[in-house]
């Protein structure tokens, strides 16, 4: 599995009622062990362990101003993956 295909899977399962919905794999970055994962590499090449829980930082584009409240909302989350 490539990093790009993992991003596609994450995007396909994204909550539809979310304020921000990524439209393509280029809208998000996956970071683990301090390195941004390259879309063209496989998960094995990116040194993501297989069969165990891995912490991956999912980063969106820069924060944007929330229209209703006038405050910024967080545009990054941590996700936990188990790569089969």
PDB file of N, CA and C in Angstrom:
ATOM      1  N   UNK A   1       0.850  -1.175   0.000  1.00  0.00           N
ATOM      2  CA  UNK A   1       0.000   0.000   0.000  1.00  0.00           C
ATOM      3  C   UNK A   1       0.897   1.240   0.000  1.00  0.00           C
ATOM      4  N   UNK A   2       0.537   2.225  -0.813  1.00  0.00           N
ATOM      5  CA  UNK A   2       1.302   3.476  -0.838  1.00  0.00           C
ATOM      6  C   UNK A   2       0.708   4.469   0.153  1.00  0.00           C
ATOM      7  N   UNK A   3       1.483   5.490   0.474  1.00  0.00           N
ATOM      8  CA  UNK A   3       1.009   6.558   1.351  1.00  0.00           C
ATOM      9  C   UNK A   3      -0.195   7.233   0.708  1.00  0.00           C
ATOM     10  N   UNK A   4      -0.151   7.423  -0.603  1.00  0.00           N
ATOM     11  CA  UNK A   4      -1.259   8.046  -1.325  1.00  0.00           C
ATOM     12  C   UNK A   4      -2.551   7.235  -1.184  1.00  0.00           C
ATOM     13  N   UNK A   5      -2.457   5.905  -1.293  1.00  0.00           N
ATOM     14  CA  UNK A   5      -3.659   5.075  -1.166  1.00  0.00           C
ATOM     15  C   UNK A   5      -4.180   5.081   0.271  1.00  0.00           C
ATOM     16  N   UNK A   6      -3.278   5.188   1.257  1.00  0.00           N
ATOM     17  CA  UNK A   6      -3.716   5.312   2.648  1.00  0.00           C
ATOM     18  C   UNK A   6      -4.464   6.627   2.852  1.00  0.00           C
ATOM     19  N   UNK A   7      -3.952   7.716   2.278  1.00  0.00           N
ATOM     20  CA  UNK A   7      -4.637   9.002   2.366  1.00  0.00           C
ATOM     21  C   UNK A   7      -6.017   8.936   1.714  1.00  0.00           C
ATOM     22  N   UNK A   8      -6.119   8.263   0.572  1.00  0.00           N
ATOM     23  CA  UNK A   8      -7.415   8.105  -0.098  1.00  0.00           C
ATOM     24  C   UNK A   8      -8.399   7.371   0.802  1.00  0.00           C
ATOM     25  N   UNK A   9      -7.930   6.339   1.481  1.00  0.00           N
ATOM     26  CA  UNK A   9      -8.791   5.585   2.392  1.00  0.00           C
ATOM     27  C   UNK A   9      -9.245   6.459   3.560  1.00  0.00           C
ATOM     28  N   UNK A  10      -8.336   7.264   4.120  1.00  0.00           N
ATOM     29  CA  UNK A  10      -8.685   8.174   5.215  1.00  0.00           C
ATOM     30  C   UNK A  10      -9.724   9.189   4.741  1.00  0.00           C
ATOM     31  N   UNK A  11      -9.511   9.770   3.565  1.00  0.00           N
ATOM     32  CA  UNK A  11     -10.443  10.764   3.020  1.00  0.00           C
ATOM     33  C   UNK A  11     -11.812  10.142   2.760  1.00  0.00           C
ATOM     34  N   UNK A  12     -11.851   8.907   2.266  1.00  0.00           N
ATOM     35  CA  UNK A  12     -13.140   8.261   1.975  1.00  0.00           C
ATOM     36  C   UNK A  12     -13.957   8.003   3.239  1.00  0.00           C
ATOM     37  N   UNK A  13     -13.289   7.874   4.388  1.00  0.00           N
ATOM     38  CA  UNK A  13     -13.982   7.614   5.650  1.00  0.00           C
ATOM     39  C   UNK A  13     -14.118   8.875   6.499  1.00  0.00           C
ATOM     40  N   UNK A  14     -13.796  10.024   5.928  1.00  0.00           N
ATOM     41  CA  UNK A  14     -13.853  11.297   6.653  1.00  0.00           C
ATOM     42  C   UNK A  14     -15.301  11.625   7.011  1.00  0.00           C
ATOM     43  N   UNK A  15     -15.581  12.120   8.218  1.00  0.00           N
ATOM     44  CA  UNK A  15     -16.953  12.478   8.597  1.00  0.00           C
ATOM     45  C   UNK A  15     -17.518  13.561   7.668  1.00  0.00           C
ATOM     46  N   UNK A  16     -18.658  13.290   7.085  1.00  0.00           N
ATOM     47  CA  UNK A  16     -19.250  14.214   6.110  1.00  0.00           C
ATOM     48  C   UNK A  16     -19.782  15.488   6.748  1.00  0.00           C
ATOM     49  N   UNK A  17     -20.001  15.493   8.060  1.00  0.00           N
ATOM     50  CA  UNK A  17     -20.514  16.688   8.735  1.00  0.00           C
ATOM     51  C   UNK A  17     -19.391  17.554   9.305  1.00  0.00           C
ATOM     52  N   UNK A  18     -18.155  17.246   8.967  1.00  0.00           N
ATOM     53  CA  UNK A  18     -17.004  17.987   9.461  1.00  0.00           C
ATOM     54  C   UNK A  18     -16.934  19.371   8.817  1.00  0.00           C
ATOM     55  N   UNK A  19     -16.362  20.348   9.546  1.00  0.00           N
ATOM     56  CA  UNK A  19     -16.209  21.689   8.996  1.00  0.00           C
ATOM     57  C   UNK A  19     -15.236  21.700   7.829  1.00  0.00           C
ATOM     58  N   UNK A  20     -14.251  20.866   7.875  1.00  0.00           N
ATOM     59  CA  UNK A  20     -13.257  20.784   6.810  1.00  0.00           C
ATOM     60  C   UNK A  20     -13.255  19.375   6.253  1.00  0.00           C
ATOM     61  N   UNK A  21     -13.391  19.262   4.953  1.00  0.00           N
ATOM     62  CA  UNK A  21     -13.343  17.960   4.302  1.00  0.00           C
ATOM     63  C   UNK A  21     -12.254  18.002   3.239  1.00  0.00           C
ATOM     64  N   UNK A  22     -11.191  17.223   3.401  1.00  0.00           N
ATOM     65  CA  UNK A  22     -10.146  17.207   2.377  1.00  0.00           C
ATOM     66  C   UNK A  22     -10.694  16.634   1.073  1.00  0.00           C
ATOM     67  N   UNK A  23     -10.316  17.248  -0.029  1.00  0.00           N
ATOM     68  CA  UNK A  23     -10.832  16.831  -1.333  1.00  0.00           C
ATOM     69  C   UNK A  23      -9.895  15.886  -2.069  1.00  0.00           C
ATOM     70  N   UNK A  24      -8.605  15.985  -1.781  1.00  0.00           N
ATOM     71  CA  UNK A  24      -7.646  15.110  -2.462  1.00  0.00           C
ATOM     72  C   UNK A  24      -6.501  14.775  -1.513  1.00  0.00           C
ATOM     73  N   UNK A  25      -5.661  13.839  -1.941  1.00  0.00           N
ATOM     74  CA  UNK A  25      -4.525  13.446  -1.115  1.00  0.00           C
ATOM     75  C   UNK A  25      -3.548  14.596  -0.922  1.00  0.00           C
ATOM     76  N   UNK A  26      -3.577  15.573  -1.797  1.00  0.00           N
ATOM     77  CA  UNK A  26      -2.681  16.723  -1.669  1.00  0.00           C
ATOM     78  C   UNK A  26      -3.160  17.710  -0.616  1.00  0.00           C
ATOM     79  N   UNK A  27      -4.384  17.539  -0.127  1.00  0.00           N
ATOM     80  CA  UNK A  27      -4.931  18.423   0.910  1.00  0.00           C
ATOM     81  C   UNK A  27      -4.473  18.042   2.314  1.00  0.00           C
ATOM     82  N   UNK A  28      -3.841  16.885   2.460  1.00  0.00           N
ATOM     83  CA  UNK A  28      -3.401  16.431   3.787  1.00  0.00           C
ATOM     84  C   UNK A  28      -1.956  15.957   3.721  1.00  0.00           C
ATOM     85  N   UNK A  29      -1.293  16.047   4.851  1.00  0.00           N
ATOM     86  CA  UNK A  29       0.052  15.498   5.001  1.00  0.00           C
ATOM     87  C   UNK A  29       0.022  14.526   6.170  1.00  0.00           C
ATOM     88  N   UNK A  30       0.716  13.424   6.018  1.00  0.00           N
ATOM     89  CA  UNK A  30       0.875  12.461   7.101  1.00  0.00           C
ATOM     90  C   UNK A  30       2.307  12.569   7.601  1.00  0.00           C
ATOM     91  N   UNK A  31       2.448  12.694   8.913  1.00  0.00           N
ATOM     92  CA  UNK A  31       3.765  12.843   9.517  1.00  0.00           C
ATOM     93  C   UNK A  31       3.927  11.778  10.590  1.00  0.00           C
ATOM     94  N   UNK A  32       5.045  11.085  10.568  1.00  0.00           N
ATOM     95  CA  UNK A  32       5.376  10.136  11.619  1.00  0.00           C
ATOM     96  C   UNK A  32       6.880  10.193  11.860  1.00  0.00           C
ATOM     97  N   UNK A  33       7.250  10.076  13.106  1.00  0.00           N
ATOM     98  CA  UNK A  33       8.660  10.151  13.519  1.00  0.00           C
ATOM     99  C   UNK A  33       9.319  11.420  12.994  1.00  0.00           C
ATOM    100  N   UNK A  34       8.544  12.508  12.909  1.00  0.00           N
ATOM    101  CA  UNK A  34       9.083  13.796  12.486  1.00  0.00           C
ATOM    102  C   UNK A  34       9.300  13.951  10.996  1.00  0.00           C
ATOM    103  N   UNK A  35       8.834  12.986  10.195  1.00  0.00           N
ATOM    104  CA  UNK A  35       9.034  13.048   8.745  1.00  0.00           C
ATOM    105  C   UNK A  35       7.694  13.056   8.020  1.00  0.00           C
ATOM    106  N   UNK A  36       7.578  13.934   7.020  1.00  0.00           N
ATOM    107  CA  UNK A  36       6.392  13.955   6.162  1.00  0.00           C
ATOM    108  C   UNK A  36       6.501  12.783   5.202  1.00  0.00           C
ATOM    109  N   UNK A  37       5.443  11.979   5.145  1.00  0.00           N
ATOM    110  CA  UNK A  37       5.457  10.797   4.289  1.00  0.00           C
ATOM    111  C   UNK A  37       5.196  11.182   2.839  1.00  0.00           C
ATOM    112  N   UNK A  38       5.992  10.633   1.945  1.00  0.00           N
ATOM    113  CA  UNK A  38       5.900  10.900   0.509  1.00  0.00           C
ATOM    114  C   UNK A  38       4.792  10.046  -0.105  1.00  0.00           C
ATOM    115  N   UNK A  39       3.920  10.680  -0.889  1.00  0.00           N
ATOM    116  CA  UNK A  39       2.775   9.984  -1.497  1.00  0.00           C
ATOM    117  C   UNK A  39       3.185   8.779  -2.346  1.00  0.00           C
ATOM    118  N   UNK A  40       4.338   8.838  -2.984  1.00  0.00           N
ATOM    119  CA  UNK A  40       4.733   7.781  -3.919  1.00  0.00           C
ATOM    120  C   UNK A  40       5.419   6.597  -3.258  1.00  0.00           C
ATOM    121  N   UNK A  41       5.724   6.698  -1.990  1.00  0.00           N
ATOM    122  CA  UNK A  41       6.408   5.606  -1.290  1.00  0.00           C
ATOM    123  C   UNK A  41       5.392   4.637  -0.692  1.00  0.00           C
ATOM    124  N   UNK A  42       5.819   3.434  -0.487  1.00  0.00           N
ATOM    125  CA  UNK A  42       4.960   2.463   0.187  1.00  0.00           C
ATOM    126  C   UNK A  42       5.057   2.696   1.689  1.00  0.00           C
ATOM    127  N   UNK A  43       4.134   2.110   2.426  1.00  0.00           N
ATOM    128  CA  UNK A  43       4.171   2.227   3.884  1.00  0.00           C
ATOM    129  C   UNK A  43       5.415   1.548   4.438  1.00  0.00           C
ATOM    130  N   UNK A  44       5.844   0.456   3.824  1.00  0.00           N
ATOM    131  CA  UNK A  44       7.055  -0.233   4.272  1.00  0.00           C
ATOM    132  C   UNK A  44       8.283   0.650   4.051  1.00  0.00           C
ATOM    133  N   UNK A  45       8.353   1.304   2.898  1.00  0.00           N
ATOM    134  CA  UNK A  45       9.471   2.220   2.631  1.00  0.00           C
ATOM    135  C   UNK A  45       9.470   3.399   3.602  1.00  0.00           C
ATOM    136  N   UNK A  46       8.285   3.770   4.078  1.00  0.00           N
ATOM    137  CA  UNK A  46       8.151   4.879   5.020  1.00  0.00           C
ATOM    138  C   UNK A  46       8.395   4.430   6.460  1.00  0.00           C
ATOM    139  N   UNK A  47       8.698   3.149   6.617  1.00  0.00           N
ATOM    140  CA  UNK A  47       9.022   2.539   7.915  1.00  0.00           C
ATOM    141  C   UNK A  47       7.869   2.589   8.913  1.00  0.00           C
ATOM    142  N   UNK A  48       6.649   2.443   8.404  1.00  0.00           N
ATOM    143  CA  UNK A  48       5.497   2.298   9.293  1.00  0.00           C
ATOM    144  C   UNK A  48       5.395   0.831   9.660  1.00  0.00           C
ATOM    145  N   UNK A  49       5.388   0.502  10.937  1.00  0.00           N
ATOM    146  CA  UNK A  49       5.341  -0.908  11.341  1.00  0.00           C
ATOM    147  C   UNK A  49       4.012  -1.556  10.961  1.00  0.00           C
ATOM    148  N   UNK A  50       4.087  -2.830  10.620  1.00  0.00           N
ATOM    149  CA  UNK A  50       2.919  -3.591  10.191  1.00  0.00           C
ATOM    150  C   UNK A  50       2.326  -4.342  11.384  1.00  0.00           C
ATOM    151  N   UNK A  51       0.991  -4.298  11.518  1.00  0.00           N
ATOM    152  CA  UNK A  51       0.301  -5.088  12.521  1.00  0.00           C
ATOM    153  C   UNK A  51       0.289  -4.525  13.923  1.00  0.00           C
ATOM    154  N   UNK A  52       0.796  -3.327  14.109  1.00  0.00           N
ATOM    155  CA  UNK A  52       0.785  -2.692  15.426  1.00  0.00           C
ATOM    156  C   UNK A  52       0.173  -1.297  15.291  1.00  0.00           C
ATOM    157  N   UNK A  53      -0.224  -0.726  16.422  1.00  0.00           N
ATOM    158  CA  UNK A  53      -0.798   0.616  16.399  1.00  0.00           C
ATOM    159  C   UNK A  53       0.315   1.628  16.177  1.00  0.00           C
ATOM    160  N   UNK A  54       0.118   2.504  15.200  1.00  0.00           N
ATOM    161  CA  UNK A  54       1.081   3.554  14.893  1.00  0.00           C
ATOM    162  C   UNK A  54       0.408   4.907  15.063  1.00  0.00           C
ATOM    163  N   UNK A  55       1.117   5.852  15.659  1.00  0.00           N
ATOM    164  CA  UNK A  55       0.612   7.210  15.781  1.00  0.00           C
ATOM    165  C   UNK A  55       1.088   8.015  14.583  1.00  0.00           C
ATOM    166  N   UNK A  56       0.152   8.622  13.875  1.00  0.00           N
ATOM    167  CA  UNK A  56       0.465   9.425  12.702  1.00  0.00           C
ATOM    168  C   UNK A  56      -0.210  10.774  12.870  1.00  0.00           C
ATOM    169  N   UNK A  57       0.523  11.843  12.606  1.00  0.00           N
ATOM    170  CA  UNK A  57      -0.023  13.189  12.672  1.00  0.00           C
ATOM    171  C   UNK A  57      -0.586  13.515  11.296  1.00  0.00           C
ATOM    172  N   UNK A  58      -1.847  13.889  11.256  1.00  0.00           N
ATOM    173  CA  UNK A  58      -2.526  14.255  10.016  1.00  0.00           C
ATOM    174  C   UNK A  58      -2.633  15.766   9.997  1.00  0.00           C
ATOM    175  N   UNK A  59      -2.024  16.404   9.015  1.00  0.00           N
ATOM    176  CA  UNK A  59      -1.965  17.860   8.952  1.00  0.00           C
ATOM    177  C   UNK A  59      -2.738  18.364   7.747  1.00  0.00           C
ATOM    178  N   UNK A  60      -3.594  19.352   7.977  1.00  0.00           N
ATOM    179  CA  UNK A  60      -4.365  19.989   6.908  1.00  0.00           C
ATOM    180  C   UNK A  60      -3.649  21.258   6.461  1.00  0.00           C
ATOM    181  N   UNK A  61      -4.201  21.963   5.478  1.00  0.00           N
ATOM    182  CA  UNK A  61      -3.644  23.269   5.106  1.00  0.00           C
ATOM    183  C   UNK A  61      -3.664  24.217   6.305  1.00  0.00           C
ATOM    184  N   UNK A  62      -2.996  25.387   6.201  1.00  0.00           N
ATOM    185  CA  UNK A  62      -2.937  26.313   7.338  1.00  0.00           C
ATOM    186  C   UNK A  62      -4.316  26.617   7.915  1.00  0.00           C
ATOM    187  N   UNK A  63      -4.373  26.927   9.236  1.00  0.00           N
ATOM    188  CA  UNK A  63      -5.662  27.186   9.866  1.00  0.00           C
ATOM    189  C   UNK A  63      -6.379  28.360   9.202  1.00  0.00           C
ATOM    190  N   UNK A  64      -7.690  28.261   9.191  1.00  0.00           N
ATOM    191  CA  UNK A  64      -8.497  29.322   8.600  1.00  0.00           C
ATOM    192  C   UNK A  64      -9.402  29.917   9.660  1.00  0.00           C
ATOM    193  N   UNK A  65      -9.859  31.100   9.396  1.00  0.00           N
ATOM    194  CA  UNK A  65     -10.717  31.799  10.336  1.00  0.00           C
ATOM    195  C   UNK A  65     -12.124  31.218  10.287  1.00  0.00           C
ATOM    196  N   UNK A  66     -12.669  30.875  11.438  1.00  0.00           N
ATOM    197  CA  UNK A  66     -14.030  30.356  11.525  1.00  0.00           C
ATOM    198  C   UNK A  66     -14.997  31.514  11.287  1.00  0.00           C
ATOM    199  N   UNK A  67     -15.858  31.395  10.308  1.00  0.00           N
ATOM    200  CA  UNK A  67     -16.730  32.499   9.894  1.00  0.00           C
ATOM    201  C   UNK A  67     -17.680  32.967  10.991  1.00  0.00           C
ATOM    202  N   UNK A  68     -18.248  32.049  11.751  1.00  0.00           N
ATOM    203  CA  UNK A  68     -19.249  32.426  12.751  1.00  0.00           C
ATOM    204  C   UNK A  68     -18.634  33.073  13.985  1.00  0.00           C
ATOM    205  N   UNK A  69     -17.582  32.472  14.523  1.00  0.00           N
ATOM    206  CA  UNK A  69     -17.046  32.954  15.796  1.00  0.00           C
ATOM    207  C   UNK A  69     -15.895  33.938  15.640  1.00  0.00           C
ATOM    208  N   UNK A  70     -15.276  33.990  14.466  1.00  0.00           N
ATOM    209  CA  UNK A  70     -14.146  34.875  14.269  1.00  0.00           C
ATOM    210  C   UNK A  70     -12.860  34.366  14.887  1.00  0.00           C
ATOM    211  N   UNK A  71     -12.825  33.078  15.249  1.00  0.00           N
ATOM    212  CA  UNK A  71     -11.615  32.497  15.824  1.00  0.00           C
ATOM    213  C   UNK A  71     -11.063  31.432  14.889  1.00  0.00           C
ATOM    214  N   UNK A  72      -9.809  31.076  15.110  1.00  0.00           N
ATOM    215  CA  UNK A  72      -9.192  30.036  14.302  1.00  0.00           C
ATOM    216  C   UNK A  72      -9.561  28.667  14.850  1.00  0.00           C
ATOM    217  N   UNK A  73      -9.731  27.696  13.952  1.00  0.00           N
ATOM    218  CA  UNK A  73      -9.967  26.338  14.419  1.00  0.00           C
ATOM    219  C   UNK A  73      -8.772  25.472  14.073  1.00  0.00           C
ATOM    220  N   UNK A  74      -8.583  24.434  14.854  1.00  0.00           N
ATOM    221  CA  UNK A  74      -7.440  23.552  14.724  1.00  0.00           C
ATOM    222  C   UNK A  74      -7.546  22.751  13.436  1.00  0.00           C
ATOM    223  N   UNK A  75      -6.440  22.658  12.705  1.00  0.00           N
ATOM    224  CA  UNK A  75      -6.466  21.930  11.449  1.00  0.00           C
ATOM    225  C   UNK A  75      -5.482  20.760  11.445  1.00  0.00           C
ATOM    226  N   UNK A  76      -5.213  20.216  12.608  1.00  0.00           N
ATOM    227  CA  UNK A  76      -4.386  19.023  12.644  1.00  0.00           C
ATOM    228  C   UNK A  76      -4.908  18.088  13.732  1.00  0.00           C
ATOM    229  N   UNK A  77      -4.744  16.807  13.493  1.00  0.00           N
ATOM    230  CA  UNK A  77      -5.192  15.804  14.452  1.00  0.00           C
ATOM    231  C   UNK A  77      -4.177  14.670  14.467  1.00  0.00           C
ATOM    232  N   UNK A  78      -4.213  13.903  15.523  1.00  0.00           N
ATOM    233  CA  UNK A  78      -3.439  12.664  15.574  1.00  0.00           C
ATOM    234  C   UNK A  78      -4.401  11.524  15.314  1.00  0.00           C
ATOM    235  N   UNK A  79      -3.973  10.599  14.503  1.00  0.00           N
ATOM    236  CA  UNK A  79      -4.778   9.406  14.232  1.00  0.00           C
ATOM    237  C   UNK A  79      -3.941   8.190  14.620  1.00  0.00           C
ATOM    238  N   UNK A  80      -4.619   7.121  14.930  1.00  0.00           N
ATOM    239  CA  UNK A  80      -3.953   5.873  15.294  1.00  0.00           C
ATOM    240  C   UNK A  80      -4.328   4.841  14.258  1.00  0.00           C
ATOM    241  N   UNK A  81      -3.330   4.250  13.641  1.00  0.00           N
ATOM    242  CA  UNK A  81      -3.548   3.291  12.565  1.00  0.00           C
ATOM    243  C   UNK A  81      -2.999   1.934  12.930  1.00  0.00           C
ATOM    244  N   UNK A  82      -3.650   0.903  12.437  1.00  0.00           N
ATOM    245  CA  UNK A  82      -3.070  -0.441  12.478  1.00  0.00           C
ATOM    246  C   UNK A  82      -2.950  -0.878  11.031  1.00  0.00           C
ATOM    247  N   UNK A  83      -1.729  -1.003  10.557  1.00  0.00           N
ATOM    248  CA  UNK A  83      -1.466  -1.403   9.179  1.00  0.00           C
ATOM    249  C   UNK A  83      -1.488  -2.921   9.117  1.00  0.00           C
ATOM    250  N   UNK A  84      -2.437  -3.490   8.348  1.00  0.00           N
ATOM    251  CA  UNK A  84      -2.504  -4.964   8.287  1.00  0.00           C
ATOM    252  C   UNK A  84      -1.346  -5.558   7.496  1.00  0.00           C
TER     253      UNK A  84
END
